[in-house]
PDB file of N, CA and C in Angstrom:
ATOM      1  N   MET A   1       2.075  15.334  25.959  1.00  0.00           N
ATOM      2  CA  MET A   1       1.590  15.237  24.641  1.00  0.00           C
ATOM      3  C   MET A   1       1.753  16.463  24.078  1.00  0.00           C
ATOM      4  N   GLU A   2       2.417  16.182  22.579  1.00  0.00           N
ATOM      5  CA  GLU A   2       2.815  17.537  22.027  1.00  0.00           C
ATOM      6  C   GLU A   2       1.810  18.020  21.162  1.00  0.00           C
ATOM      7  N   SER A   3       1.977  19.419  20.930  1.00  0.00           N
ATOM      8  CA  SER A   3       0.803  20.062  20.394  1.00  0.00           C
ATOM      9  C   SER A   3       0.805  19.746  18.910  1.00  0.00           C
ATOM     10  N   ARG A   4      -0.236  20.084  18.166  1.00  0.00           N
ATOM     11  CA  ARG A   4      -0.367  19.626  16.812  1.00  0.00           C
ATOM     12  C   ARG A   4       0.636  20.721  15.959  1.00  0.00           C
ATOM     13  N   SER A   5       0.802  21.836  16.418  1.00  0.00           N
ATOM     14  CA  SER A   5       1.688  22.721  15.608  1.00  0.00           C
ATOM     15  C   SER A   5       3.143  22.126  15.834  1.00  0.00           C
ATOM     16  N   THR A   6       3.443  21.433  16.903  1.00  0.00           N
ATOM     17  CA  THR A   6       5.003  20.747  17.059  1.00  0.00           C
ATOM     18  C   THR A   6       4.999  19.576  16.438  1.00  0.00           C
ATOM     19  N   ILE A   7       4.018  18.934  16.175  1.00  0.00           N
ATOM     20  CA  ILE A   7       4.037  17.633  15.273  1.00  0.00           C
ATOM     21  C   ILE A   7       4.089  17.941  14.027  1.00  0.00           C
ATOM     22  N   LYS A   8       3.299  18.996  13.323  1.00  0.00           N
ATOM     23  CA  LYS A   8       3.380  19.553  12.087  1.00  0.00           C
ATOM     24  C   LYS A   8       4.864  19.776  11.661  1.00  0.00           C
ATOM     25  N   GLU A   9       5.454  20.412  12.558  1.00  0.00           N
ATOM     26  CA  GLU A   9       6.949  20.897  12.216  1.00  0.00           C
ATOM     27  C   GLU A   9       7.759  19.510  12.021  1.00  0.00           C
ATOM     28  N   PHE A  10       7.385  18.504  12.586  1.00  0.00           N
ATOM     29  CA  PHE A  10       8.336  17.450  12.541  1.00  0.00           C
ATOM     30  C   PHE A  10       8.218  16.875  10.901  1.00  0.00           C
ATOM     31  N   GLY A  11       7.177  17.014  10.222  1.00  0.00           N
ATOM     32  CA  GLY A  11       7.109  16.582   9.044  1.00  0.00           C
ATOM     33  C   GLY A  11       6.602  15.066   9.045  1.00  0.00           C
ATOM     34  N   ASP A  12       6.231  14.577   7.783  1.00  0.00           N
ATOM     35  CA  ASP A  12       5.596  13.271   7.664  1.00  0.00           C
ATOM     36  C   ASP A  12       6.429  11.869   8.283  1.00  0.00           C
ATOM     37  N   VAL A  13       7.684  12.086   7.716  1.00  0.00           N
ATOM     38  CA  VAL A  13       8.761  11.066   8.002  1.00  0.00           C
ATOM     39  C   VAL A  13       8.732  10.787   9.688  1.00  0.00           C
ATOM     40  N   LYS A  14       9.210  11.904  10.122  1.00  0.00           N
ATOM     41  CA  LYS A  14       9.578  12.009  11.317  1.00  0.00           C
ATOM     42  C   LYS A  14       8.372  12.002  12.454  1.00  0.00           C
ATOM     43  N   ASN A  15       7.104  12.201  11.959  1.00  0.00           N
ATOM     44  CA  ASN A  15       5.870  11.962  12.770  1.00  0.00           C
ATOM     45  C   ASN A  15       5.607  10.213  12.764  1.00  0.00           C
ATOM     46  N   ALA A  16       5.694   9.848  11.519  1.00  0.00           N
ATOM     47  CA  ALA A  16       5.485   8.158  11.307  1.00  0.00           C
ATOM     48  C   ALA A  16       6.598   7.508  12.025  1.00  0.00           C
ATOM     49  N   LEU A  17       7.764   7.576  12.044  1.00  0.00           N
ATOM     50  CA  LEU A  17       8.633   6.826  12.842  1.00  0.00           C
ATOM     51  C   LEU A  17       8.590   7.262  14.333  1.00  0.00           C
ATOM     52  N   TYR A  18       8.246   8.450  14.764  1.00  0.00           N
ATOM     53  CA  TYR A  18       7.921   8.833  16.196  1.00  0.00           C
ATOM     54  C   TYR A  18       6.830   7.885  16.518  1.00  0.00           C
ATOM     55  N   TYR A  19       5.636   7.904  15.768  1.00  0.00           N
ATOM     56  CA  TYR A  19       4.463   6.980  16.054  1.00  0.00           C
ATOM     57  C   TYR A  19       4.838   5.482  16.260  1.00  0.00           C
ATOM     58  N   LEU A  20       5.424   5.203  15.413  1.00  0.00           N
ATOM     59  CA  LEU A  20       5.916   3.655  15.369  1.00  0.00           C
ATOM     60  C   LEU A  20       7.012   3.319  16.319  1.00  0.00           C
ATOM     61  N   GLU A  21       7.894   3.926  16.983  1.00  0.00           N
ATOM     62  CA  GLU A  21       8.770   3.919  17.852  1.00  0.00           C
ATOM     63  C   GLU A  21       8.015   4.097  19.241  1.00  0.00           C
ATOM     64  N   THR A  22       7.230   4.816  19.339  1.00  0.00           N
ATOM     65  CA  THR A  22       6.408   4.926  20.603  1.00  0.00           C
ATOM     66  C   THR A  22       5.461   3.853  20.867  1.00  0.00           C
ATOM     67  N   ARG A  23       4.910   3.245  19.661  1.00  0.00           N
ATOM     68  CA  ARG A  23       4.090   1.998  19.866  1.00  0.00           C
ATOM     69  C   ARG A  23       5.068   0.971  20.171  1.00  0.00           C
ATOM     70  N   ALA A  24       6.240   0.789  19.778  1.00  0.00           N
ATOM     71  CA  ALA A  24       7.046  -0.227  19.994  1.00  0.00           C
ATOM     72  C   ALA A  24       7.625  -0.127  21.482  1.00  0.00           C
ATOM     73  N   SER A  25       7.753   1.010  21.819  1.00  0.00           N
ATOM     74  CA  SER A  25       8.218   1.205  23.443  1.00  0.00           C
ATOM     75  C   SER A  25       7.127   0.894  24.315  1.00  0.00           C
ATOM     76  N   VAL A  26       5.810   0.706  23.758  1.00  0.00           N
ATOM     77  CA  VAL A  26       4.703   0.349  24.587  1.00  0.00           C
ATOM     78  C   VAL A  26       4.462  -1.178  24.685  1.00  0.00           C
ATOM     79  N   ASP A  27       4.593  -1.552  23.485  1.00  0.00           N
ATOM     80  CA  ASP A  27       4.003  -2.922  23.142  1.00  0.00           C
ATOM     81  C   ASP A  27       5.482  -3.800  22.866  1.00  0.00           C
ATOM     82  N   PRO A  28       5.940  -4.679  23.657  1.00  0.00           N
ATOM     83  CA  PRO A  28       7.192  -5.298  23.668  1.00  0.00           C
ATOM     84  C   PRO A  28       7.174  -6.110  22.336  1.00  0.00           C
ATOM     85  N   ARG A  29       6.002  -6.515  21.702  1.00  0.00           N
ATOM     86  CA  ARG A  29       5.988  -7.633  20.713  1.00  0.00           C
ATOM     87  C   ARG A  29       5.637  -6.721  19.378  1.00  0.00           C
ATOM     88  N   PHE A  30       5.445  -5.341  19.382  1.00  0.00           N
ATOM     89  CA  PHE A  30       5.567  -4.460  18.183  1.00  0.00           C
ATOM     90  C   PHE A  30       6.707  -4.779  17.449  1.00  0.00           C
ATOM     91  N   TYR A  31       6.379  -4.729  16.110  1.00  0.00           N
ATOM     92  CA  TYR A  31       7.807  -4.974  15.200  1.00  0.00           C
ATOM     93  C   TYR A  31       7.654  -3.995  14.154  1.00  0.00           C
ATOM     94  N   VAL A  32       8.796  -3.317  13.984  1.00  0.00           N
ATOM     95  CA  VAL A  32       8.891  -2.129  13.200  1.00  0.00           C
ATOM     96  C   VAL A  32      10.602  -2.337  12.731  1.00  0.00           C
ATOM     97  N   GLN A  33      10.494  -2.218  11.273  1.00  0.00           N
ATOM     98  CA  GLN A  33      12.017  -2.101  10.695  1.00  0.00           C
ATOM     99  C   GLN A  33      11.803  -1.045   9.584  1.00  0.00           C
ATOM    100  N   TYR A  34      12.779  -0.178   9.333  1.00  0.00           N
ATOM    101  CA  TYR A  34      12.761   0.819   8.228  1.00  0.00           C
ATOM    102  C   TYR A  34      14.247   1.318   7.913  1.00  0.00           C
ATOM    103  N   GLN A  35      14.007   1.707   6.614  1.00  0.00           N
ATOM    104  CA  GLN A  35      15.282   2.232   6.031  1.00  0.00           C
ATOM    105  C   GLN A  35      14.904   3.610   5.378  1.00  0.00           C
ATOM    106  N   ASN A  36      15.944   4.709   5.869  1.00  0.00           N
ATOM    107  CA  ASN A  36      15.693   5.840   5.340  1.00  0.00           C
ATOM    108  C   ASN A  36      16.650   5.966   4.132  1.00  0.00           C
ATOM    109  N   ASN A  37      16.386   7.178   3.057  1.00  0.00           N
ATOM    110  CA  ASN A  37      17.740   7.306   2.312  1.00  0.00           C
ATOM    111  C   ASN A  37      18.681   8.010   2.981  1.00  0.00           C
ATOM    112  N   THR A  38      19.811   7.364   2.494  1.00  0.00           N
ATOM    113  CA  THR A  38      21.210   7.969   3.039  1.00  0.00           C
ATOM    114  C   THR A  38      21.750   9.136   2.142  1.00  0.00           C
ATOM    115  N   GLY A  39      22.324  10.186   2.813  1.00  0.00           N
ATOM    116  CA  GLY A  39      22.833  11.062   2.200  1.00  0.00           C
ATOM    117  C   GLY A  39      22.014  12.574   2.273  1.00  0.00           C
ATOM    118  N   GLU A  40      21.779  13.389   1.500  1.00  0.00           N
ATOM    119  CA  GLU A  40      21.286  14.629   1.692  1.00  0.00           C
ATOM    120  C   GLU A  40      19.624  14.688   2.206  1.00  0.00           C
ATOM    121  N   ASP A  41      18.998  13.705   1.508  1.00  0.00           N
ATOM    122  CA  ASP A  41      17.494  13.736   1.562  1.00  0.00           C
ATOM    123  C   ASP A  41      17.222  12.480   2.611  1.00  0.00           C
ATOM    124  N   SER A  42      17.603  12.764   4.013  1.00  0.00           N
ATOM    125  CA  SER A  42      17.134  11.770   4.966  1.00  0.00           C
ATOM    126  C   SER A  42      15.722  12.071   5.102  1.00  0.00           C
ATOM    127  N   GLU A  43      14.696  12.686   4.791  1.00  0.00           N
ATOM    128  CA  GLU A  43      13.456  12.765   4.813  1.00  0.00           C
ATOM    129  C   GLU A  43      12.672  12.044   4.050  1.00  0.00           C
ATOM    130  N   VAL A  44      13.286  11.359   3.341  1.00  0.00           N
ATOM    131  CA  VAL A  44      12.506  10.210   2.572  1.00  0.00           C
ATOM    132  C   VAL A  44      12.682   8.833   3.179  1.00  0.00           C
ATOM    133  N   LEU A  45      11.506   8.154   3.553  1.00  0.00           N
ATOM    134  CA  LEU A  45      11.431   6.482   3.786  1.00  0.00           C
ATOM    135  C   LEU A  45      11.782   5.732   2.440  1.00  0.00           C
ATOM    136  N   ARG A  46      12.495   4.796   2.544  1.00  0.00           N
ATOM    137  CA  ARG A  46      12.735   4.006   1.488  1.00  0.00           C
ATOM    138  C   ARG A  46      11.760   2.794   1.549  1.00  0.00           C
ATOM    139  N   ARG A  47      11.722   2.132   2.836  1.00  0.00           N
ATOM    140  CA  ARG A  47      10.876   0.905   3.056  1.00  0.00           C
ATOM    141  C   ARG A  47      10.548   1.175   4.769  1.00  0.00           C
ATOM    142  N   VAL A  48       9.411   0.465   4.994  1.00  0.00           N
ATOM    143  CA  VAL A  48       9.039   0.467   6.589  1.00  0.00           C
ATOM    144  C   VAL A  48       8.089  -0.658   6.518  1.00  0.00           C
ATOM    145  N   PHE A  49       8.225  -1.501   7.592  1.00  0.00           N
ATOM    146  CA  PHE A  49       7.299  -2.653   7.696  1.00  0.00           C
ATOM    147  C   PHE A  49       7.025  -2.710   9.146  1.00  0.00           C
ATOM    148  N   TRP A  50       5.856  -2.949   9.752  1.00  0.00           N
ATOM    149  CA  TRP A  50       5.419  -2.829  10.910  1.00  0.00           C
ATOM    150  C   TRP A  50       4.290  -3.929  11.082  1.00  0.00           C
ATOM    151  N   ALA A  51       4.219  -4.360  12.336  1.00  0.00           N
ATOM    152  CA  ALA A  51       3.027  -5.249  12.735  1.00  0.00           C
ATOM    153  C   ALA A  51       2.943  -5.220  14.360  1.00  0.00           C
ATOM    154  N   ASP A  52       1.656  -5.266  14.994  1.00  0.00           N
ATOM    155  CA  ASP A  52       1.767  -5.022  16.536  1.00  0.00           C
ATOM    156  C   ASP A  52       1.594  -6.509  16.934  1.00  0.00           C
ATOM    157  N   SER A  53       1.536  -6.542  18.336  1.00  0.00           N
ATOM    158  CA  SER A  53       1.441  -8.017  19.020  1.00  0.00           C
ATOM    159  C   SER A  53       0.174  -8.703  18.482  1.00  0.00           C
ATOM    160  N   ARG A  54      -0.761  -8.118  18.197  1.00  0.00           N
ATOM    161  CA  ARG A  54      -2.419  -8.962  17.851  1.00  0.00           C
ATOM    162  C   ARG A  54      -2.088  -9.643  16.368  1.00  0.00           C
ATOM    163  N   ARG A  55      -1.528  -8.913  15.582  1.00  0.00           N
ATOM    164  CA  ARG A  55      -1.348  -9.375  14.221  1.00  0.00           C
ATOM    165  C   ARG A  55      -0.176 -10.436  14.196  1.00  0.00           C
ATOM    166  N   ARG A  56       1.000 -10.215  14.875  1.00  0.00           N
ATOM    167  CA  ARG A  56       1.821 -11.241  14.946  1.00  0.00           C
ATOM    168  C   ARG A  56       1.484 -12.756  15.696  1.00  0.00           C
ATOM    169  N   ALA A  57       0.521 -12.437  16.776  1.00  0.00           N
ATOM    170  CA  ALA A  57      -0.187 -13.667  17.088  1.00  0.00           C
ATOM    171  C   ALA A  57      -1.093 -14.278  16.187  1.00  0.00           C
ATOM    172  N   ASP A  58      -1.992 -13.208  15.605  1.00  0.00           N
ATOM    173  CA  ASP A  58      -2.906 -14.073  14.601  1.00  0.00           C
ATOM    174  C   ASP A  58      -1.786 -14.650  13.452  1.00  0.00           C
ATOM    175  N   TYR A  59      -0.599 -14.141  13.057  1.00  0.00           N
ATOM    176  CA  TYR A  59       0.116 -14.906  12.111  1.00  0.00           C
ATOM    177  C   TYR A  59       0.623 -16.126  12.602  1.00  0.00           C
ATOM    178  N   HIS A  60       0.992 -16.090  13.824  1.00  0.00           N
ATOM    179  CA  HIS A  60       1.334 -17.628  14.322  1.00  0.00           C
ATOM    180  C   HIS A  60       0.159 -18.443  14.326  1.00  0.00           C
ATOM    181  N   ILE A  61      -1.014 -17.970  14.733  1.00  0.00           N
ATOM    182  CA  ILE A  61      -2.284 -19.294  14.700  1.00  0.00           C
ATOM    183  C   ILE A  61      -2.632 -19.492  13.243  1.00  0.00           C
ATOM    184  N   PHE A  62      -2.805 -18.347  12.681  1.00  0.00           N
ATOM    185  CA  PHE A  62      -3.488 -18.356  11.134  1.00  0.00           C
ATOM    186  C   PHE A  62      -2.536 -18.529   9.946  1.00  0.00           C
ATOM    187  N   GLY A  63      -1.280 -18.388  10.133  1.00  0.00           N
ATOM    188  CA  GLY A  63      -0.507 -17.815   8.909  1.00  0.00           C
ATOM    189  C   GLY A  63       0.053 -18.747   7.873  1.00  0.00           C
ATOM    190  N   ASP A  64      -1.036 -19.915   7.589  1.00  0.00           N
ATOM    191  CA  ASP A  64      -0.442 -21.022   6.591  1.00  0.00           C
ATOM    192  C   ASP A  64      -0.705 -20.419   5.251  1.00  0.00           C
ATOM    193  N   VAL A  65      -1.425 -19.498   5.164  1.00  0.00           N
ATOM    194  CA  VAL A  65      -1.597 -18.834   3.867  1.00  0.00           C
ATOM    195  C   VAL A  65      -1.310 -17.382   3.766  1.00  0.00           C
ATOM    196  N   ILE A  66      -0.628 -16.559   3.256  1.00  0.00           N
ATOM    197  CA  ILE A  66      -0.387 -15.233   3.258  1.00  0.00           C
ATOM    198  C   ILE A  66      -0.780 -14.865   1.651  1.00  0.00           C
ATOM    199  N   ALA A  67      -1.576 -13.506   1.789  1.00  0.00           N
ATOM    200  CA  ALA A  67      -1.654 -12.896   0.625  1.00  0.00           C
ATOM    201  C   ALA A  67      -1.195 -11.536   0.766  1.00  0.00           C
ATOM    202  N   PHE A  68      -0.693 -10.785  -0.228  1.00  0.00           N
ATOM    203  CA  PHE A  68      -0.592  -9.443   0.017  1.00  0.00           C
ATOM    204  C   PHE A  68      -0.859  -8.702  -1.207  1.00  0.00           C
ATOM    205  N   ASP A  69      -1.465  -7.441  -0.995  1.00  0.00           N
ATOM    206  CA  ASP A  69      -2.121  -6.610  -2.038  1.00  0.00           C
ATOM    207  C   ASP A  69      -1.376  -5.345  -2.054  1.00  0.00           C
ATOM    208  N   ALA A  70      -0.497  -4.897  -3.242  1.00  0.00           N
ATOM    209  CA  ALA A  70       0.050  -3.917  -3.267  1.00  0.00           C
ATOM    210  C   ALA A  70      -0.556  -2.814  -3.997  1.00  0.00           C
ATOM    211  N   THR A  71      -0.947  -1.921  -3.390  1.00  0.00           N
ATOM    212  CA  THR A  71      -1.731  -0.688  -3.828  1.00  0.00           C
ATOM    213  C   THR A  71      -0.718   0.216  -4.506  1.00  0.00           C
ATOM    214  N   TYR A  72      -0.845   0.269  -5.886  1.00  0.00           N
ATOM    215  CA  TYR A  72       0.197   0.775  -6.754  1.00  0.00           C
ATOM    216  C   TYR A  72       0.055   2.337  -6.438  1.00  0.00           C
ATOM    217  N   LYS A  73       0.938   2.905  -5.965  1.00  0.00           N
ATOM    218  CA  LYS A  73       1.240   4.410  -5.708  1.00  0.00           C
ATOM    219  C   LYS A  73       0.038   5.150  -5.746  1.00  0.00           C
ATOM    220  N   LYS A  74      -1.002   4.952  -4.673  1.00  0.00           N
ATOM    221  CA  LYS A  74      -2.080   5.656  -4.693  1.00  0.00           C
ATOM    222  C   LYS A  74      -2.055   6.942  -3.863  1.00  0.00           C
ATOM    223  N   ASN A  75      -1.081   7.292  -3.240  1.00  0.00           N
ATOM    224  CA  ASN A  75      -1.059   8.423  -2.281  1.00  0.00           C
ATOM    225  C   ASN A  75      -0.214   9.592  -2.674  1.00  0.00           C
ATOM    226  N   ARG A  76      -0.300  10.447  -2.030  1.00  0.00           N
ATOM    227  CA  ARG A  76       0.365  11.811  -2.539  1.00  0.00           C
ATOM    228  C   ARG A  76       1.825  11.710  -2.559  1.00  0.00           C
ATOM    229  N   ARG A  77       2.298  10.964  -1.918  1.00  0.00           N
ATOM    230  CA  ARG A  77       3.663  10.718  -1.744  1.00  0.00           C
ATOM    231  C   ARG A  77       4.295   9.697  -2.919  1.00  0.00           C
ATOM    232  N   ASP A  78       3.611   9.164  -3.602  1.00  0.00           N
ATOM    233  CA  ASP A  78       3.825   8.351  -4.579  1.00  0.00           C
ATOM    234  C   ASP A  78       4.626   7.009  -3.890  1.00  0.00           C
ATOM    235  N   VAL A  79       4.037   6.510  -2.858  1.00  0.00           N
ATOM    236  CA  VAL A  79       4.455   5.311  -2.243  1.00  0.00           C
ATOM    237  C   VAL A  79       3.452   4.040  -2.122  1.00  0.00           C
ATOM    238  N   ALA A  80       3.993   2.874  -2.736  1.00  0.00           N
ATOM    239  CA  ALA A  80       2.932   1.849  -2.481  1.00  0.00           C
ATOM    240  C   ALA A  80       2.784   1.203  -1.062  1.00  0.00           C
ATOM    241  N   LEU A  81       1.569   1.099  -0.911  1.00  0.00           N
ATOM    242  CA  LEU A  81       1.184   0.048   0.540  1.00  0.00           C
ATOM    243  C   LEU A  81       1.032  -1.142   0.250  1.00  0.00           C
ATOM    244  N   LEU A  82       1.574  -2.070   0.850  1.00  0.00           N
ATOM    245  CA  LEU A  82       1.403  -3.466   0.996  1.00  0.00           C
ATOM    246  C   LEU A  82       0.642  -3.928   2.119  1.00  0.00           C
ATOM    247  N   VAL A  83      -0.324  -4.745   2.042  1.00  0.00           N
ATOM    248  CA  VAL A  83      -0.977  -5.120   3.196  1.00  0.00           C
ATOM    249  C   VAL A  83      -0.966  -6.645   3.147  1.00  0.00           C
ATOM    250  N   PHE A  84      -0.630  -7.574   4.307  1.00  0.00           N
ATOM    251  CA  PHE A  84      -0.315  -8.612   4.344  1.00  0.00           C
ATOM    252  C   PHE A  84      -1.646  -9.395   5.139  1.00  0.00           C
ATOM    253  N   VAL A  85      -2.335 -10.352   4.307  1.00  0.00           N
ATOM    254  CA  VAL A  85      -3.568 -10.536   4.858  1.00  0.00           C
ATOM    255  C   VAL A  85      -3.649 -12.184   5.030  1.00  0.00           C
ATOM    256  N   GLY A  86      -4.393 -12.658   5.669  1.00  0.00           N
ATOM    257  CA  GLY A  86      -4.915 -14.263   5.869  1.00  0.00           C
ATOM    258  C   GLY A  86      -6.135 -14.336   6.126  1.00  0.00           C
ATOM    259  N   CYS A  87      -6.642 -15.484   6.307  1.00  0.00           N
ATOM    260  CA  CYS A  87      -7.934 -16.047   6.702  1.00  0.00           C
ATOM    261  C   CYS A  87      -8.029 -16.669   8.043  1.00  0.00           C
ATOM    262  N   ASN A  88      -8.925 -16.518   8.942  1.00  0.00           N
ATOM    263  CA  ASN A  88      -9.015 -16.973  10.183  1.00  0.00           C
ATOM    264  C   ASN A  88      -9.777 -18.186  10.160  1.00  0.00           C
ATOM    265  N   ASN A  89     -10.112 -19.088  11.300  1.00  0.00           N
ATOM    266  CA  ASN A  89     -11.089 -20.092  11.233  1.00  0.00           C
ATOM    267  C   ASN A  89     -12.439 -19.878  10.969  1.00  0.00           C
ATOM    268  N   HIS A  90     -12.908 -18.549  10.953  1.00  0.00           N
ATOM    269  CA  HIS A  90     -14.409 -18.088  10.687  1.00  0.00           C
ATOM    270  C   HIS A  90     -14.417 -17.649   9.286  1.00  0.00           C
ATOM    271  N   HIS A  91     -13.224 -17.851   8.555  1.00  0.00           N
ATOM    272  CA  HIS A  91     -13.375 -17.171   7.241  1.00  0.00           C
ATOM    273  C   HIS A  91     -13.366 -15.729   7.048  1.00  0.00           C
ATOM    274  N   HIS A  92     -12.974 -15.232   7.937  1.00  0.00           N
ATOM    275  CA  HIS A  92     -13.020 -14.018   8.058  1.00  0.00           C
ATOM    276  C   HIS A  92     -11.160 -13.147   7.597  1.00  0.00           C
ATOM    277  N   ASN A  93     -11.127 -12.429   6.882  1.00  0.00           N
ATOM    278  CA  ASN A  93      -9.849 -11.695   6.534  1.00  0.00           C
ATOM    279  C   ASN A  93      -9.314 -11.186   7.971  1.00  0.00           C
ATOM    280  N   ILE A  94      -8.107 -11.466   8.038  1.00  0.00           N
ATOM    281  CA  ILE A  94      -7.113 -10.663   9.129  1.00  0.00           C
ATOM    282  C   ILE A  94      -5.906 -10.096   8.205  1.00  0.00           C
ATOM    283  N   VAL A  95      -5.355  -9.201   8.924  1.00  0.00           N
ATOM    284  CA  VAL A  95      -4.269  -8.218   8.298  1.00  0.00           C
ATOM    285  C   VAL A  95      -3.171  -8.947   9.527  1.00  0.00           C
ATOM    286  N   TYR A  96      -1.953  -9.147   8.996  1.00  0.00           N
ATOM    287  CA  TYR A  96      -0.816  -9.577   9.534  1.00  0.00           C
ATOM    288  C   TYR A  96       0.131  -8.413   9.885  1.00  0.00           C
ATOM    289  N   GLY A  97       0.297  -7.511   8.850  1.00  0.00           N
ATOM    290  CA  GLY A  97       1.270  -6.484   8.819  1.00  0.00           C
ATOM    291  C   GLY A  97       1.106  -5.462   7.509  1.00  0.00           C
ATOM    292  N   PHE A  98       1.981  -4.348   7.619  1.00  0.00           N
ATOM    293  CA  PHE A  98       1.689  -3.474   6.415  1.00  0.00           C
ATOM    294  C   PHE A  98       3.238  -3.213   6.062  1.00  0.00           C
ATOM    295  N   ARG A  99       3.353  -2.550   4.715  1.00  0.00           N
ATOM    296  CA  ARG A  99       4.657  -2.262   4.285  1.00  0.00           C
ATOM    297  C   ARG A  99       4.247  -1.169   3.551  1.00  0.00           C
ATOM    298  N   LEU A 100       5.475  -0.088   3.692  1.00  0.00           N
ATOM    299  CA  LEU A 100       5.443   1.047   2.592  1.00  0.00           C
ATOM    300  C   LEU A 100       6.609   0.989   1.658  1.00  0.00           C
ATOM    301  N   LEU A 101       6.480   1.226   0.424  1.00  0.00           N
ATOM    302  CA  LEU A 101       7.716   0.994  -0.477  1.00  0.00           C
ATOM    303  C   LEU A 101       7.915   2.153  -1.262  1.00  0.00           C
ATOM    304  N   GLU A 102       9.024   2.705  -1.283  1.00  0.00           N
ATOM    305  CA  GLU A 102       9.366   3.764  -2.201  1.00  0.00           C
ATOM    306  C   GLU A 102       9.378   3.283  -3.675  1.00  0.00           C
ATOM    307  N   LYS A 103      10.148   2.115  -3.795  1.00  0.00           N
ATOM    308  CA  LYS A 103      10.108   1.819  -5.113  1.00  0.00           C
ATOM    309  C   LYS A 103       9.754   0.550  -5.004  1.00  0.00           C
ATOM    310  N   GLU A 104       9.357  -0.396  -6.332  1.00  0.00           N
ATOM    311  CA  GLU A 104       8.781  -1.612  -6.275  1.00  0.00           C
ATOM    312  C   GLU A 104       9.842  -2.460  -6.941  1.00  0.00           C
ATOM    313  N   THR A 105      10.912  -2.425  -6.539  1.00  0.00           N
ATOM    314  CA  THR A 105      12.265  -3.431  -7.140  1.00  0.00           C
ATOM    315  C   THR A 105      12.130  -4.648  -6.526  1.00  0.00           C
ATOM    316  N   GLU A 106      12.799  -5.725  -7.225  1.00  0.00           N
ATOM    317  CA  GLU A 106      12.873  -7.111  -6.599  1.00  0.00           C
ATOM    318  C   GLU A 106      13.380  -7.013  -5.250  1.00  0.00           C
ATOM    319  N   GLY A 107      14.418  -6.266  -5.186  1.00  0.00           N
ATOM    320  CA  GLY A 107      15.269  -6.111  -3.739  1.00  0.00           C
ATOM    321  C   GLY A 107      14.270  -5.588  -2.737  1.00  0.00           C
ATOM    322  N   ASP A 108      13.410  -4.554  -2.993  1.00  0.00           N
ATOM    323  CA  ASP A 108      12.338  -4.162  -1.990  1.00  0.00           C
ATOM    324  C   ASP A 108      11.625  -5.304  -1.516  1.00  0.00           C
ATOM    325  N   TYR A 109      11.105  -6.402  -2.704  1.00  0.00           N
ATOM    326  CA  TYR A 109      10.162  -7.391  -2.200  1.00  0.00           C
ATOM    327  C   TYR A 109      10.844  -8.316  -1.409  1.00  0.00           C
ATOM    328  N   VAL A 110      12.378  -8.609  -1.657  1.00  0.00           N
ATOM    329  CA  VAL A 110      12.929  -9.591  -1.188  1.00  0.00           C
ATOM    330  C   VAL A 110      13.215  -9.047   0.346  1.00  0.00           C
ATOM    331  N   TRP A 111      13.481  -7.663   0.522  1.00  0.00           N
ATOM    332  CA  TRP A 111      13.597  -7.057   1.942  1.00  0.00           C
ATOM    333  C   TRP A 111      12.492  -7.792   3.004  1.00  0.00           C
ATOM    334  N   VAL A 112      11.256  -7.507   2.249  1.00  0.00           N
ATOM    335  CA  VAL A 112       9.997  -7.531   3.257  1.00  0.00           C
ATOM    336  C   VAL A 112       9.686  -9.022   3.195  1.00  0.00           C
ATOM    337  N   LEU A 113       9.949  -9.734   2.419  1.00  0.00           N
ATOM    338  CA  LEU A 113       9.692 -11.286   2.499  1.00  0.00           C
ATOM    339  C   LEU A 113      10.773 -11.807   3.263  1.00  0.00           C
TER     340      LEU A 113
END
């Protein structure tokens, strides 16, 4: 386990990717896909989508209807968070996956959908 000071030195992007890749190595059905900026500023995530095995199983069972909510640039990094949700047989909301967007262009939405 790494110390907090070591983790802070990595920066937000590297910490997020480290966490997601670690989860993927433990959970074989964990899905993560991302794109970094190319060029000088590789510390900026352009797109990232992730869903763990439980969310993927829920989608397989209850995925007839999907809705997503784009929280419009509410965080300090000016990145939009999309949450993909549905409804189970008890009429409870269930979350299928998450997506961070650097920009909200048509190409970004095509990428995730």
